[in-house]
Every structure is written in structure tokens, then in C-alpha cells.
Amino acid sequence: MKKRNIIIGIDGIPYKLINDLTSKRVMPNFFELKKQFCLKLMKSSIPHISSVSWSSIITGKNPGEHGIFGFTDIIQGTYSISFPNFNALRTKPFWHQRSNETHIILNVPATYPAQPLNGIHVAGFVALDLEKAVYPNSIIPELKSMNYEIDVDSSLAHQQSKEMFFNELFRILEIRKKVIFNFWDKMNWDNFIAVITGTDRLGHFLWHAYENKKDPNHHGFLEYFKKIDEIIGEVMKRLKEEDTLIILSDHGMEQILKNVNLNTYLEREGLLKLSDKFKRYNRVEKGSKAFVLDPGRIYLNKKGKFPKGSISAEKERETIEEIKNILLDLKFDNKKVIKKVYEKNEIYHGKMVNFAPDLIAIENEGFNLKASIGKENIFEDETIFSGKHDENCFIFANKDIDIKSPRVEDVLDIIW
């Protein structure tokens, strides 16, 4: 019998949550797996966002190699923003590395537009057009017959009542389940990956409902994970003895304490100067030392790199130290906002490092780093979300995980 590899992604779930839900038997199928095999804390990408993390998971590489540093990027030689998609990935995903095998790829974030492969690819968030999200196009009628949708309609969560949002979450999850097992049972495949992204949406809008057992939405939160556990149970029924099963998340989630506008802070400290004549990052003026892209990616305003660059090569080291000190000094209610500031060469390696941000700020618990331009206040209350990403995701395998402290780029090494 041939060995098959299965990855089930549960987007945005921290280790502490999955451990809690399995231990309390909210997820009894996963509990049985956890008793027999290996569940570990895994560290997300830097920064810990889905586009970067999933790119690392599917390539086995760090951002300095695969070239995805965020949902947005700076177009070289300008202050204009681009939105990198799957075509911007500079390292092949495993299904292109192992082209002699058959692959089913379902709903993996940051893989739009779909590209030809030996098998089926249905791209996940952010996918703008179903026609371009699917390969081969011949399966589109089949997807439509199952009422397939790319993502949850998160706008429903903005309603005063969360009932419609929960209905949407459960509806899309049921469709996702139908699609997963349709292709599982229909094809003879070697590698199968399917990702559930509704968990990320649930965490962002209703993390407080998990933390507070008296919250009216606490029961609905748990019920959603029971439904995911039913999917895991169906996977368990279909597993063969020689199969490798991986269940993982791409990043964690935690309660938001405050939003932190880092560009406003740099402006207050005299490191960022803004014009009123333009929009967004084109407002950066001569004399600016740095600016920030979400979430905590800091770019030196270098001469020769940006149109109004002010930092010479000789001043780079001095400027880096100045920015690091300023960021590490930032406090709210006597709590330090920034836990660590990395220089790019400390965490990235590979041919794309020159395109990386110069510094990456990692926040302490509860602080949500934002990069809006021209905000009045450094600290703001969050009015829409209750949950934010953190770095503490998880990985489960029905085999030994020999890596002591796994990171998202280690997933392929665990499988093969």
C-alpha cells in the first residue's frame, strides 16, 4: 500500500485553545488522537499572519526564501503598495516540488490564483474570482453544485446580533466538509491538504466568547469546534495504517487589549514626517527615517531605495539602533508594548532578504500593531474585533515529531 500524506489546517488556533478543547472533550475525536500521538506547540512565521505562515508551511522555507513578507508589500522604488498573491511566491510549494505525485489542495490561504498541477487546486483566502481560484476549471460546475463559496461573509459579524454570523460559519463549514470528502473519496491521491478558515474569523470577532464562559456566544463558539471535530472523526475513519496525518494551525489568537498605531508613534518621536498633499505612504516626506507596514514591519527610508529617501548607508546602523530603542521604550499603562525587535538578517535568509523589511517588531500580549498613516492617537480601542493573532500555533502528527521546537517552515520535514 502506498503512503499518503494528509494536512488538515485549522486557521488561527493557538496551542492553548486546542489543548483546552481536547482536554475538556469538546473535541473528543481529536482527544483520542492526542492520547495516542503527538501534539506540540509550534511557532508561527514572523510576522505571524496567514499569508506568510501558509507560504512557509507549503514550501518548507522562511520568508527570505519564498519572498512573502505580508499581505501587502512596497513596490520597489516607490511608496506605493502591492498585494502579493500566489504568483509572487519565489519557492515552489510542495505540490510543484513533487510533481510526479497526485495532490488535492483545498482552501489554502495565499494560493490564489490557482496554478496547474497534477491534481486539483481550489485556492482559499484571498481569492477574488472562483474561475481563477480553481484548477482544472472543469471541476467548477461540480463545486457550484455543492454551493461552494471561498470564504465566510464576515460582514455579517458587524451586525448587532451574532446569530447570522454563526449561521454563516456553520453553513460554510458544512459545504467545506462536503467538498473535502467528495474529492477525498473520488480520487486516488498521494497528498491531501484542506484548510478551515472559519476558525480565524470566529476568533477575530468572538475571542471574548471563548474567554468568558458566561458570554451568550460561548456555547456557539464551542459548537463550531465540535463540528470541526466531526470532520476530524471522518478523516480518522478514512485513514489507512501507513498514512501520515498532520493537523495544524498557522498562527494563534489572543484577546486584544489595545490597537497601537506605530506610524503615529514614529511621527511623534520625529522619525516620520508626513505631507498633507498625498494619500497613504506617498505622504512620506524627505527627512523621514522610517515607516511601518502592517503588522510591525519597519522600513528604513533609505537613499536610493525610496523617492524621498533620507538615510545613507553610513547612517543605517545608527538609525536601526535609534528605532529599536524608541520601540522598546513604548508603554501603555506601564506595560511594555514591544517584546522584541528583530533585524531582518537575524530571522530571514535567502535570495529575497533584500526585499524584506529592515526591522520587525513583535508585540507583547494584547497589543495589536497597526500601520495606518495619519492616525491622531498612538493607542486606540478596537471596536470590531476581540481577537488578534499571536505566534503560538500548534502541530499534531500521528508520528514522532523529532524537532524540539517546531516552526511553520518545519512542517514538510516532519512529513517527509
Protein backbone atom coordinates (compact mmCIF):
# COMPACT_ATOMS: atom_id res chain seq x y z
CA MET A 1 0.00 0.00 0.00
CA LYS A 2 1.29 3.45 -0.85
CA LYS A 3 1.88 6.02 1.88
CA ARG A 4 -0.40 9.06 1.73
CA ASN A 5 0.04 12.41 3.46
CA ILE A 6 -2.83 14.47 4.86
CA ILE A 7 -2.68 18.01 6.26
CA ILE A 8 -5.79 19.43 7.93
CA GLY A 9 -5.37 23.14 8.65
CA ILE A 10 -7.43 24.90 11.33
CA ASP A 11 -6.58 28.54 10.75
CA GLY A 12 -5.80 30.89 13.62
CA ILE A 13 -5.93 28.43 16.53
CA PRO A 14 -3.45 28.76 19.42
CA TYR A 15 -1.97 25.75 21.18
CA LYS A 16 -3.68 26.67 24.46
CA LEU A 17 -7.14 26.63 22.81
CA ILE A 18 -6.76 23.27 21.05
CA ASN A 19 -5.30 21.77 24.21
CA ASP A 20 -8.21 23.13 26.25
CA LEU A 21 -10.92 21.95 23.83
CA THR A 22 -9.47 18.46 23.53
CA SER A 23 -8.84 18.07 27.27
CA LYS A 24 -12.45 19.06 28.04
CA ARG A 25 -13.73 16.63 25.36
CA VAL A 26 -15.30 19.42 23.33
CA MET A 27 -13.33 17.73 20.53
CA PRO A 28 -13.49 14.03 21.51
CA ASN A 29 -12.06 12.70 18.24
CA PHE A 30 -9.05 14.97 18.49
CA PHE A 31 -8.75 13.98 22.16
CA GLU A 32 -8.37 10.32 21.14
CA LEU A 33 -5.69 11.25 18.62
CA LYS A 34 -3.87 13.38 21.19
CA LYS A 35 -3.84 10.48 23.67
CA GLN A 36 -2.10 8.22 21.16
CA PHE A 37 0.18 10.58 19.28
CA CYS A 38 2.00 13.90 19.40
CA LEU A 39 0.55 17.41 19.89
CA LYS A 40 3.13 20.20 20.12
CA LEU A 41 3.35 23.94 20.42
CA MET A 42 4.57 25.34 17.09
CA LYS A 43 5.84 28.84 16.38
CA SER A 44 4.28 30.81 13.58
CA SER A 45 6.09 32.88 10.98
CA ILE A 46 7.48 36.35 11.59
CA PRO A 47 5.25 38.28 11.24
CA HIS A 48 2.52 35.84 12.39
CA ILE A 49 -0.05 36.33 9.65
CA SER A 50 -1.68 33.81 7.33
CA SER A 51 -0.10 34.81 4.03
CA VAL A 52 3.41 34.46 5.45
CA SER A 53 2.71 31.38 7.57
CA TRP A 54 0.95 29.34 4.90
CA SER A 55 3.65 30.24 2.38
CA SER A 56 6.21 28.83 4.83
CA ILE A 57 4.12 25.71 5.53
CA ILE A 58 3.64 24.76 1.87
CA THR A 59 7.23 25.50 0.78
CA GLY A 60 9.20 24.49 3.87
CA LYS A 61 11.06 27.80 3.58
CA ASN A 62 11.35 31.05 5.51
CA PRO A 63 10.18 34.39 4.04
CA GLY A 64 13.71 35.29 2.98
CA GLU A 65 13.48 32.38 0.55
CA HIS A 66 9.82 32.37 -0.52
CA GLY A 67 9.52 36.16 -0.65
CA ILE A 68 6.15 36.69 1.06
CA PHE A 69 6.51 39.14 3.95
CA GLY A 70 2.88 40.24 4.42
CA PHE A 71 -0.50 40.71 2.77
CA THR A 72 0.93 43.94 1.36
CA ASP A 73 4.34 44.99 0.12
CA ILE A 74 6.10 48.10 -1.12
CA ILE A 75 6.66 48.37 -4.87
CA GLN A 76 10.38 48.83 -5.33
CA GLY A 77 11.44 52.45 -5.90
CA THR A 78 8.07 53.85 -4.77
CA TYR A 79 5.87 54.32 -1.72
CA SER A 80 3.01 52.51 -3.45
CA ILE A 81 1.52 49.30 -2.06
CA SER A 82 1.16 45.99 -3.87
CA PHE A 83 -0.85 42.93 -2.84
CA PRO A 84 1.33 39.85 -3.45
CA ASN A 85 -0.54 36.71 -4.50
CA PHE A 86 0.48 33.13 -5.30
CA ASN A 87 2.35 34.31 -8.41
CA ALA A 88 4.72 36.26 -6.15
CA LEU A 89 5.88 33.12 -4.32
CA ARG A 90 9.57 32.58 -5.13
CA THR A 91 9.85 28.96 -3.92
CA LYS A 92 7.76 26.10 -5.25
CA PRO A 93 5.01 24.71 -3.00
CA PHE A 94 5.35 21.01 -2.21
CA TRP A 95 2.84 20.03 -4.90
CA HIS A 96 5.13 21.51 -7.55
CA GLN A 97 8.26 20.11 -5.91
CA ARG A 98 6.71 16.62 -6.01
CA SER A 99 5.15 16.85 -9.45
CA ASN A 100 5.16 13.07 -10.02
CA GLU A 101 2.58 12.68 -7.22
CA THR A 102 -1.15 13.48 -7.23
CA HIS A 103 -2.34 16.31 -4.99
CA ILE A 104 -5.65 17.63 -3.67
CA ILE A 105 -5.21 21.23 -2.45
CA LEU A 106 -8.32 22.80 -0.90
CA ASN A 107 -8.80 26.28 0.55
CA VAL A 108 -5.16 27.02 1.40
CA PRO A 109 -4.79 30.79 2.03
CA ALA A 110 -2.46 32.84 -0.17
CA THR A 111 -2.57 30.34 -3.09
CA TYR A 112 -4.64 32.46 -5.49
CA PRO A 113 -4.66 32.35 -8.46
CA ALA A 114 -4.59 28.57 -8.82
CA GLN A 115 -1.79 27.20 -10.97
CA PRO A 116 -1.63 23.96 -12.98
CA LEU A 117 -0.64 20.86 -11.01
CA ASN A 118 -1.05 17.11 -11.09
CA GLY A 119 -4.39 17.01 -9.30
CA ILE A 120 -6.88 19.61 -8.02
CA HIS A 121 -6.31 23.05 -6.55
CA VAL A 122 -9.09 25.22 -5.08
CA ALA A 123 -7.42 28.36 -3.69
CA GLY A 124 -8.50 29.94 -0.42
CA PHE A 125 -8.47 33.45 1.05
CA VAL A 126 -7.69 35.92 -0.55
CA ALA A 127 -9.33 34.56 -3.73
CA LEU A 128 -11.19 37.16 -5.77
CA ASP A 129 -12.72 35.09 -8.55
CA LEU A 130 -13.79 31.43 -8.46
CA GLU A 131 -12.83 30.93 -12.11
CA LYS A 132 -9.21 31.86 -11.34
CA ALA A 133 -9.22 30.11 -7.96
CA VAL A 134 -9.75 26.61 -9.40
CA TYR A 135 -7.61 24.19 -11.40
CA PRO A 136 -8.72 22.46 -13.51
CA ASN A 137 -11.69 24.65 -14.46
CA SER A 138 -13.61 21.50 -15.38
CA ILE A 139 -14.46 20.96 -11.68
CA ILE A 140 -16.13 24.37 -11.27
CA PRO A 141 -19.63 23.01 -12.12
CA GLU A 142 -19.09 20.29 -9.51
CA LEU A 143 -18.11 22.90 -6.89
CA LYS A 144 -21.12 25.03 -7.78
CA SER A 145 -23.41 22.02 -7.45
CA MET A 146 -22.20 21.78 -3.83
CA ASN A 147 -22.82 25.55 -3.36
CA TYR A 148 -19.09 26.09 -2.80
CA GLU A 149 -18.00 29.50 -1.52
CA ILE A 150 -14.45 30.69 -0.99
CA ASP A 151 -14.93 32.30 2.42
CA VAL A 152 -17.36 33.25 5.15
CA ASP A 153 -19.21 36.53 4.66
CA SER A 154 -17.56 38.31 7.58
CA SER A 155 -19.68 41.42 7.06
CA LEU A 156 -22.45 39.57 8.91
CA ALA A 157 -20.34 39.74 12.08
CA HIS A 158 -20.76 43.50 12.06
CA GLN A 159 -24.48 43.05 12.75
CA GLN A 160 -25.59 43.79 16.29
CA SER A 161 -26.81 40.18 16.59
CA LYS A 162 -24.23 37.44 16.01
CA GLU A 163 -26.88 34.87 15.04
CA MET A 164 -26.48 35.49 11.31
CA PHE A 165 -22.69 35.25 11.64
CA PHE A 166 -22.90 31.88 13.37
CA ASN A 167 -25.38 30.62 10.78
CA GLU A 168 -22.91 31.65 8.08
CA LEU A 169 -19.98 29.97 9.82
CA PHE A 170 -21.85 26.67 10.17
CA ARG A 171 -23.23 26.86 6.61
CA ILE A 172 -19.83 27.37 5.02
CA LEU A 173 -18.24 24.70 7.23
CA GLU A 174 -20.84 22.14 6.09
CA ILE A 175 -20.08 22.98 2.46
CA ARG A 176 -16.35 22.75 3.15
CA LYS A 177 -16.88 19.30 4.69
CA LYS A 178 -18.87 18.14 1.66
CA VAL A 179 -16.15 19.31 -0.74
CA ILE A 180 -13.34 17.76 1.31
CA PHE A 181 -14.81 14.26 1.35
CA ASN A 182 -16.13 14.48 -2.19
CA PHE A 183 -12.59 14.80 -3.54
CA TRP A 184 -11.07 12.54 -0.86
CA ASP A 185 -13.30 9.64 -1.91
CA LYS A 186 -13.36 10.38 -5.62
CA MET A 187 -9.67 10.47 -6.49
CA ASN A 188 -6.59 8.34 -5.98
CA TRP A 189 -4.19 10.86 -4.46
CA ASP A 190 -0.82 10.96 -2.70
CA ASN A 191 -1.09 14.26 -0.79
CA PHE A 192 -4.21 15.96 0.53
CA ILE A 193 -4.40 19.35 2.23
CA ALA A 194 -7.57 21.13 3.32
CA VAL A 195 -7.84 24.27 5.43
CA ILE A 196 -10.74 25.54 7.54
CA THR A 197 -10.55 29.33 7.77
CA GLY A 198 -13.81 29.99 9.61
CA THR A 199 -11.94 29.45 12.88
CA ASP A 200 -9.84 32.53 12.18
CA ARG A 201 -12.96 34.62 11.53
CA LEU A 202 -14.60 33.26 14.69
CA GLY A 203 -11.52 34.09 16.75
CA HIS A 204 -11.22 37.63 15.43
CA PHE A 205 -14.84 38.55 16.07
CA LEU A 206 -15.66 36.42 19.12
CA TRP A 207 -12.48 35.56 21.02
CA HIS A 208 -14.08 37.08 24.11
CA ALA A 209 -16.84 34.48 23.84
CA TYR A 210 -14.27 31.74 24.39
CA GLU A 211 -12.54 33.56 27.25
CA ASN A 212 -15.82 34.37 29.06
CA LYS A 213 -17.95 31.28 29.77
CA LYS A 214 -20.92 33.49 30.66
CA ASP A 215 -20.90 35.18 27.27
CA PRO A 216 -24.11 34.41 25.30
CA ASN A 217 -21.98 33.26 22.35
CA HIS A 218 -19.75 30.91 24.37
CA HIS A 219 -21.88 27.87 23.54
CA GLY A 220 -21.89 28.72 19.81
CA PHE A 221 -18.10 29.07 19.89
CA LEU A 222 -17.73 25.57 21.32
CA GLU A 223 -20.35 24.10 18.97
CA TYR A 224 -18.31 25.27 15.98
CA PHE A 225 -15.31 23.31 17.21
CA LYS A 226 -17.50 20.26 17.79
CA LYS A 227 -18.41 20.40 14.10
CA ILE A 228 -14.73 20.63 13.17
CA ASP A 229 -14.09 17.62 15.39
CA GLU A 230 -16.73 15.71 13.39
CA ILE A 231 -14.66 16.39 10.27
CA ILE A 232 -11.58 15.06 12.08
CA GLY A 233 -13.62 11.98 13.01
CA GLU A 234 -14.50 11.41 9.35
CA VAL A 235 -10.82 11.74 8.44
CA MET A 236 -9.93 9.17 11.11
CA LYS A 237 -12.41 6.68 9.60
CA ARG A 238 -10.75 7.03 6.21
CA LEU A 239 -7.12 6.83 7.42
CA LYS A 240 -5.01 3.86 6.42
CA GLU A 241 -2.34 2.49 8.71
CA GLU A 242 0.51 3.80 6.57
CA ASP A 243 -0.94 7.33 6.19
CA THR A 244 0.69 10.36 7.79
CA LEU A 245 -1.83 12.76 9.32
CA ILE A 246 -0.89 16.32 10.25
CA ILE A 247 -3.35 18.71 11.91
CA LEU A 248 -2.07 22.23 12.45
CA SER A 249 -2.72 25.93 12.68
CA ASP A 250 -0.78 28.73 11.00
CA HIS A 251 -0.83 31.21 13.90
CA GLY A 252 -2.53 31.63 17.24
CA MET A 253 -5.09 34.06 18.65
CA GLU A 254 -5.45 36.12 21.82
CA GLN A 255 -7.57 38.91 23.29
CA ILE A 256 -6.95 42.46 22.06
CA LEU A 257 -6.06 44.96 24.76
CA LYS A 258 -5.25 47.97 22.57
CA ASN A 259 -4.52 48.82 18.97
CA VAL A 260 -1.15 50.51 18.57
CA ASN A 261 -0.54 52.90 15.66
CA LEU A 262 3.20 52.60 15.16
CA ASN A 263 3.43 55.20 12.39
CA THR A 264 1.79 57.73 14.72
CA TYR A 265 4.38 56.85 17.36
CA LEU A 266 7.27 57.30 14.90
CA GLU A 267 5.75 60.62 13.84
CA ARG A 268 5.52 61.80 17.48
CA GLU A 269 9.15 60.82 18.00
CA GLY A 270 10.24 62.81 14.94
CA LEU A 271 11.22 59.78 12.84
CA LEU A 272 8.36 60.09 10.33
CA LYS A 273 7.31 63.27 8.53
CA LEU A 274 4.07 63.32 6.53
CA SER A 275 2.75 65.60 3.80
CA ASP A 276 -0.94 66.54 3.56
CA LYS A 277 -0.81 66.59 -0.25
CA PHE A 278 -0.91 62.84 -0.97
CA LYS A 279 -2.50 59.62 0.27
CA ARG A 280 -1.25 56.62 2.23
CA TYR A 281 2.52 56.05 2.09
CA ASN A 282 3.03 58.64 -0.62
CA ARG A 283 2.64 61.10 2.26
CA VAL A 284 6.15 60.16 3.48
CA GLU A 285 8.32 63.28 3.26
CA LYS A 286 12.03 63.95 2.93
CA GLY A 287 13.61 63.79 6.37
CA SER A 288 11.65 60.71 7.42
CA LYS A 289 13.84 57.99 8.89
CA ALA A 290 11.35 55.10 8.74
CA PHE A 291 7.76 53.99 8.22
CA VAL A 292 5.74 50.91 9.14
CA LEU A 293 3.65 48.40 7.20
CA ASP A 294 1.23 46.01 8.91
CA PRO A 295 1.89 44.33 11.27
CA GLY A 296 5.06 45.85 12.68
CA ARG A 297 7.24 45.72 9.55
CA ILE A 298 9.60 48.72 9.64
CA TYR A 299 11.35 50.06 6.56
CA LEU A 300 14.23 52.49 6.72
CA ASN A 301 13.63 55.42 4.37
CA LYS A 302 16.89 54.77 2.50
CA LYS A 303 18.50 56.99 -0.09
CA GLY A 304 18.43 55.30 -3.49
CA LYS A 305 15.64 52.94 -2.42
CA PHE A 306 12.76 55.36 -1.90
CA PRO A 307 11.94 58.56 -3.82
CA LYS A 308 12.38 60.75 -0.73
CA GLY A 309 14.95 58.59 0.99
CA SER A 310 16.92 60.26 3.77
CA ILE A 311 19.07 57.53 5.33
CA SER A 312 22.52 57.00 3.84
CA ALA A 313 24.34 53.67 4.07
CA GLU A 314 26.64 55.19 6.68
CA LYS A 315 23.66 56.12 8.89
CA GLU A 316 21.79 52.80 8.67
CA ARG A 317 23.27 51.18 11.80
CA GLU A 318 22.77 54.31 13.90
CA THR A 319 19.17 54.64 12.68
CA ILE A 320 18.38 50.99 13.36
CA GLU A 321 19.57 51.30 16.94
CA GLU A 322 17.59 54.52 17.40
CA ILE A 323 14.36 52.91 16.13
CA LYS A 324 14.85 49.77 18.23
CA ASN A 325 15.35 51.83 21.39
CA ILE A 326 12.30 54.00 20.68
CA LEU A 327 10.08 50.99 20.01
CA LEU A 328 11.25 49.12 23.10
CA ASP A 329 10.54 52.22 25.22
CA LEU A 330 6.86 52.34 24.22
CA LYS A 331 4.49 51.60 27.13
CA PHE A 332 0.76 51.59 27.84
CA ASP A 333 -0.40 51.62 31.49
CA ASN A 334 3.20 50.83 32.41
CA LYS A 335 3.17 47.71 30.20
CA LYS A 336 5.83 47.36 27.53
CA VAL A 337 4.18 47.20 24.10
CA ILE A 338 7.04 45.66 22.14
CA LYS A 339 8.59 42.37 23.24
CA LYS A 340 11.33 42.14 20.61
CA VAL A 341 12.60 43.98 17.54
CA TYR A 342 14.32 41.75 15.01
CA GLU A 343 16.68 42.87 12.31
CA LYS A 344 15.94 41.13 9.02
CA ASN A 345 19.21 39.21 8.90
CA GLU A 346 18.52 37.75 12.34
CA ILE A 347 15.42 35.87 11.15
CA TYR A 348 15.49 35.71 7.35
CA HIS A 349 17.92 34.12 4.93
CA GLY A 350 17.81 33.55 1.20
CA LYS A 351 17.77 35.40 -2.09
CA MET A 352 14.74 37.57 -1.16
CA VAL A 353 16.20 39.10 2.03
CA ASN A 354 16.92 42.39 0.30
CA PHE A 355 13.16 42.80 -0.21
CA ALA A 356 12.39 42.19 3.46
CA PRO A 357 11.54 44.92 5.98
CA ASP A 358 14.61 46.17 7.81
CA LEU A 359 13.09 45.57 11.24
CA ILE A 360 10.16 43.51 12.51
CA ALA A 361 8.52 44.41 15.82
CA ILE A 362 6.90 41.64 17.86
CA GLU A 363 4.26 42.78 20.33
CA ASN A 364 3.63 41.77 23.90
CA GLU A 365 0.36 40.03 24.76
CA GLY A 366 -2.78 42.01 23.95
CA PHE A 367 -1.22 44.72 21.79
CA ASN A 368 -2.35 44.81 18.16
CA LEU A 369 0.22 46.52 15.96
CA LYS A 370 -1.27 48.68 13.21
CA ALA A 371 0.32 50.69 10.41
CA SER A 372 -2.30 53.26 9.49
CA ILE A 373 -0.93 56.57 8.23
CA GLY A 374 -2.03 59.83 9.82
CA LYS A 375 -3.92 58.50 12.84
CA GLU A 376 -4.30 61.01 15.68
CA ASN A 377 -3.64 58.70 18.61
CA ILE A 378 -0.98 56.08 19.26
CA PHE A 379 -3.36 53.90 21.27
CA GLU A 380 -6.94 53.13 20.26
CA ASP A 381 -9.68 50.82 21.42
CA GLU A 382 -10.70 48.09 18.97
CA THR A 383 -14.37 48.43 18.01
CA ILE A 384 -14.83 45.45 15.66
CA PHE A 385 -12.53 42.58 16.63
CA SER A 386 -11.90 40.99 20.02
CA GLY A 387 -9.13 38.60 18.94
CA LYS A 388 -5.73 39.19 17.34
CA HIS A 389 -3.01 36.92 16.04
CA ASP A 390 -0.19 35.62 18.20
CA GLU A 391 2.76 33.37 17.44
CA ASN A 392 1.70 30.28 19.37
CA CYS A 393 0.12 27.86 16.93
CA PHE A 394 0.11 24.05 17.13
CA ILE A 395 1.00 20.91 15.22
CA PHE A 396 -0.28 17.37 15.68
CA ALA A 397 1.13 14.31 13.90
CA ASN A 398 0.31 10.61 14.09
CA LYS A 399 4.06 10.00 14.17
CA ASP A 400 7.01 11.22 16.22
CA ILE A 401 7.93 14.89 15.84
CA ASP A 402 11.68 14.87 16.34
CA ILE A 403 12.04 18.65 16.12
CA LYS A 404 12.18 20.01 19.68
CA SER A 405 10.68 23.44 18.95
CA PRO A 406 8.99 23.25 15.54
CA ARG A 407 8.24 26.28 13.40
CA VAL A 408 5.85 26.51 10.46
CA GLU A 409 8.67 26.03 7.94
CA ASP A 410 9.44 22.64 9.53
CA VAL A 411 6.11 21.02 8.58
CA LEU A 412 7.33 19.42 5.35
CA ASP A 413 10.38 18.00 7.14
CA ILE A 414 8.02 16.35 9.63
CA ILE A 415 6.04 14.75 6.79
CA TRP A 416 8.92 13.64 4.60
